Amino acid sequence: MAFEIRIVNDDGTGVPGIRVAIAFEGFTRGMAEARTDADGCARFDGHKEGGIKVFLDGRERGHHRYRDGVSITLPR
């Protein structure tokens, strides 16, 4: 199971080097963190489908749901 979170500028280009942290819904699911690559994508592998709270460089960016193979796109 894998999904991506893509961070984009106003013009739709990816933003590299953003720290993306996710907090999984549920008491025992924990957190994960990754940095965006040159295309603005942070990839997360090995997590069951469900809800997450997303943080970009420490700032909360809302609740989202993900599933295998899906890309969530957020503005910087």
N, C-alpha and C. Protein backbone atom coordinates (compact mmCIF):
# COMPACT_ATOMS: atom_id res chain seq x y z
N MET A 1 0.85 -1.17 0.00
CA MET A 1 0.00 0.00 0.00
C MET A 1 0.90 1.24 0.00
N ALA A 2 0.66 2.13 -0.93
CA ALA A 2 1.46 3.36 -1.04
C ALA A 2 0.58 4.50 -1.53
N PHE A 3 0.92 5.71 -1.09
CA PHE A 3 0.25 6.91 -1.58
C PHE A 3 1.23 8.06 -1.52
N GLU A 4 0.90 9.15 -2.22
CA GLU A 4 1.75 10.33 -2.27
C GLU A 4 0.98 11.56 -1.80
N ILE A 5 1.73 12.49 -1.28
CA ILE A 5 1.21 13.84 -1.05
C ILE A 5 2.09 14.76 -1.88
N ARG A 6 1.46 15.50 -2.79
CA ARG A 6 2.21 16.40 -3.69
C ARG A 6 1.92 17.84 -3.28
N ILE A 7 2.99 18.61 -3.13
CA ILE A 7 2.89 20.01 -2.75
C ILE A 7 3.22 20.85 -3.98
N VAL A 8 2.31 21.79 -4.30
CA VAL A 8 2.48 22.59 -5.52
C VAL A 8 2.42 24.09 -5.22
N ASN A 9 3.10 24.85 -6.09
CA ASN A 9 3.01 26.31 -6.09
C ASN A 9 1.71 26.72 -6.76
N ASP A 10 1.43 28.02 -6.77
CA ASP A 10 0.22 28.54 -7.42
C ASP A 10 0.14 28.17 -8.90
N ASP A 11 1.28 28.03 -9.55
CA ASP A 11 1.28 27.69 -10.97
C ASP A 11 1.22 26.18 -11.24
N GLY A 12 1.11 25.37 -10.17
CA GLY A 12 0.98 23.93 -10.32
C GLY A 12 2.28 23.16 -10.35
N THR A 13 3.42 23.86 -10.28
CA THR A 13 4.70 23.15 -10.25
C THR A 13 4.96 22.62 -8.85
N GLY A 14 5.64 21.46 -8.78
CA GLY A 14 5.95 20.84 -7.51
C GLY A 14 6.99 21.62 -6.72
N VAL A 15 6.88 21.54 -5.39
CA VAL A 15 7.81 22.25 -4.50
C VAL A 15 8.71 21.21 -3.81
N PRO A 16 10.01 21.22 -4.11
CA PRO A 16 10.92 20.26 -3.48
C PRO A 16 11.31 20.69 -2.07
N GLY A 17 11.68 19.70 -1.24
CA GLY A 17 12.27 19.97 0.07
C GLY A 17 11.31 20.31 1.18
N ILE A 18 10.01 20.14 0.99
CA ILE A 18 9.04 20.41 2.05
C ILE A 18 8.95 19.19 2.96
N ARG A 19 8.98 19.40 4.27
CA ARG A 19 8.81 18.31 5.23
C ARG A 19 7.33 18.06 5.40
N VAL A 20 6.89 16.86 5.04
CA VAL A 20 5.49 16.47 5.14
C VAL A 20 5.37 15.44 6.26
N ALA A 21 4.61 15.78 7.29
CA ALA A 21 4.34 14.84 8.38
C ALA A 21 2.87 14.50 8.35
N ILE A 22 2.56 13.25 8.63
CA ILE A 22 1.16 12.83 8.68
C ILE A 22 0.91 12.13 10.00
N ALA A 23 -0.24 12.44 10.59
CA ALA A 23 -0.69 11.78 11.81
C ALA A 23 -1.90 10.94 11.43
N PHE A 24 -1.80 9.64 11.63
CA PHE A 24 -2.87 8.74 11.26
C PHE A 24 -4.00 8.79 12.28
N GLU A 25 -5.25 8.72 11.81
CA GLU A 25 -6.39 8.65 12.71
C GLU A 25 -6.38 7.30 13.40
N GLY A 26 -6.70 7.30 14.67
CA GLY A 26 -6.69 6.06 15.45
C GLY A 26 -5.56 6.10 16.47
N PHE A 27 -5.79 5.50 17.60
CA PHE A 27 -4.85 5.60 18.71
C PHE A 27 -3.51 4.91 18.47
N THR A 28 -3.50 3.82 17.75
CA THR A 28 -2.26 3.04 17.63
C THR A 28 -1.55 3.21 16.30
N ARG A 29 -1.98 4.11 15.47
CA ARG A 29 -1.41 4.19 14.12
C ARG A 29 -0.19 5.10 14.02
N GLY A 30 -0.04 6.08 14.89
CA GLY A 30 1.18 6.87 14.93
C GLY A 30 1.31 7.93 13.86
N MET A 31 2.59 8.22 13.51
CA MET A 31 2.92 9.28 12.55
C MET A 31 3.96 8.77 11.57
N ALA A 32 4.11 9.50 10.47
CA ALA A 32 5.17 9.25 9.49
C ALA A 32 5.60 10.59 8.91
N GLU A 33 6.80 10.61 8.36
CA GLU A 33 7.34 11.87 7.82
C GLU A 33 8.18 11.58 6.58
N ALA A 34 8.15 12.50 5.62
CA ALA A 34 8.97 12.41 4.41
C ALA A 34 9.19 13.81 3.87
N ARG A 35 10.19 13.96 3.01
CA ARG A 35 10.44 15.24 2.32
C ARG A 35 10.03 15.11 0.87
N THR A 36 9.53 16.22 0.31
CA THR A 36 9.14 16.19 -1.09
C THR A 36 10.38 16.12 -1.99
N ASP A 37 10.23 15.40 -3.10
CA ASP A 37 11.31 15.27 -4.08
C ASP A 37 11.28 16.45 -5.06
N ALA A 38 12.03 16.35 -6.14
CA ALA A 38 12.11 17.43 -7.12
C ALA A 38 10.77 17.76 -7.76
N ASP A 39 9.85 16.80 -7.79
CA ASP A 39 8.51 17.03 -8.36
C ASP A 39 7.48 17.44 -7.30
N GLY A 40 7.92 17.62 -6.06
CA GLY A 40 7.00 18.03 -4.99
C GLY A 40 6.26 16.88 -4.34
N CYS A 41 6.69 15.63 -4.58
CA CYS A 41 5.98 14.46 -4.04
C CYS A 41 6.69 13.86 -2.83
N ALA A 42 5.92 13.60 -1.79
CA ALA A 42 6.39 12.84 -0.63
C ALA A 42 5.64 11.52 -0.66
N ARG A 43 6.36 10.41 -0.64
CA ARG A 43 5.76 9.08 -0.78
C ARG A 43 5.72 8.38 0.58
N PHE A 44 4.60 7.73 0.83
CA PHE A 44 4.41 6.98 2.06
C PHE A 44 4.03 5.55 1.69
N ASP A 45 4.74 4.58 2.24
CA ASP A 45 4.53 3.16 1.93
C ASP A 45 4.18 2.38 3.20
N GLY A 46 3.39 1.31 3.00
CA GLY A 46 3.15 0.36 4.08
C GLY A 46 2.11 0.76 5.09
N HIS A 47 1.17 1.62 4.75
CA HIS A 47 0.15 2.06 5.70
C HIS A 47 -1.24 1.66 5.20
N LYS A 48 -2.09 1.22 6.10
CA LYS A 48 -3.47 0.88 5.74
C LYS A 48 -4.23 2.14 5.35
N GLU A 49 -5.23 1.97 4.47
CA GLU A 49 -6.06 3.10 4.06
C GLU A 49 -6.76 3.71 5.27
N GLY A 50 -7.00 5.03 5.18
CA GLY A 50 -7.70 5.69 6.27
C GLY A 50 -7.53 7.18 6.26
N GLY A 51 -7.80 7.78 7.40
CA GLY A 51 -7.71 9.22 7.54
C GLY A 51 -6.38 9.66 8.12
N ILE A 52 -5.97 10.85 7.72
CA ILE A 52 -4.73 11.43 8.23
C ILE A 52 -4.91 12.93 8.44
N LYS A 53 -4.09 13.48 9.31
CA LYS A 53 -3.95 14.92 9.46
C LYS A 53 -2.58 15.25 8.86
N VAL A 54 -2.51 16.25 7.99
CA VAL A 54 -1.28 16.57 7.26
C VAL A 54 -0.67 17.85 7.82
N PHE A 55 0.67 17.83 7.95
CA PHE A 55 1.44 18.99 8.40
C PHE A 55 2.53 19.27 7.37
N LEU A 56 2.67 20.52 6.94
CA LEU A 56 3.73 20.94 6.03
C LEU A 56 4.67 21.86 6.78
N ASP A 57 5.92 21.43 6.92
CA ASP A 57 6.91 22.19 7.69
C ASP A 57 6.35 22.63 9.04
N GLY A 58 5.61 21.72 9.70
CA GLY A 58 5.09 21.97 11.04
C GLY A 58 3.73 22.65 11.11
N ARG A 59 3.17 23.08 9.97
CA ARG A 59 1.87 23.76 9.97
C ARG A 59 0.78 22.79 9.53
N GLU A 60 -0.28 22.71 10.31
CA GLU A 60 -1.37 21.79 9.98
C GLU A 60 -2.07 22.22 8.69
N ARG A 61 -2.36 21.24 7.83
CA ARG A 61 -3.02 21.51 6.55
C ARG A 61 -4.29 20.68 6.37
N GLY A 62 -4.90 20.29 7.47
CA GLY A 62 -6.22 19.67 7.41
C GLY A 62 -6.22 18.16 7.44
N HIS A 63 -7.45 17.62 7.45
CA HIS A 63 -7.69 16.18 7.46
C HIS A 63 -7.95 15.71 6.03
N HIS A 64 -7.41 14.54 5.72
CA HIS A 64 -7.57 13.96 4.38
C HIS A 64 -7.75 12.45 4.52
N ARG A 65 -8.32 11.85 3.50
CA ARG A 65 -8.41 10.39 3.43
C ARG A 65 -7.54 9.92 2.27
N TYR A 66 -6.92 8.78 2.44
CA TYR A 66 -6.08 8.25 1.38
C TYR A 66 -6.38 6.77 1.17
N ARG A 67 -5.98 6.30 0.00
CA ARG A 67 -6.05 4.87 -0.30
C ARG A 67 -4.90 4.53 -1.25
N ASP A 68 -4.69 3.28 -1.45
CA ASP A 68 -3.57 2.80 -2.24
C ASP A 68 -3.54 3.44 -3.63
N GLY A 69 -2.37 3.97 -4.00
CA GLY A 69 -2.15 4.52 -5.33
C GLY A 69 -2.66 5.93 -5.55
N VAL A 70 -3.22 6.56 -4.54
CA VAL A 70 -3.81 7.89 -4.68
C VAL A 70 -2.77 8.96 -4.37
N SER A 71 -2.89 10.09 -5.05
CA SER A 71 -2.03 11.24 -4.78
C SER A 71 -2.92 12.37 -4.26
N ILE A 72 -2.55 12.91 -3.11
CA ILE A 72 -3.24 14.06 -2.53
C ILE A 72 -2.41 15.29 -2.90
N THR A 73 -3.03 16.27 -3.53
CA THR A 73 -2.31 17.48 -3.93
C THR A 73 -2.75 18.64 -3.05
N LEU A 74 -1.75 19.33 -2.50
CA LEU A 74 -2.01 20.49 -1.62
C LEU A 74 -1.22 21.69 -2.09
N PRO A 75 -1.78 22.88 -1.96
CA PRO A 75 -1.00 24.08 -2.28
C PRO A 75 0.01 24.34 -1.17
N ARG A 76 1.10 24.95 -1.56
CA ARG A 76 2.15 25.28 -0.59
C ARG A 76 1.57 26.25 0.38
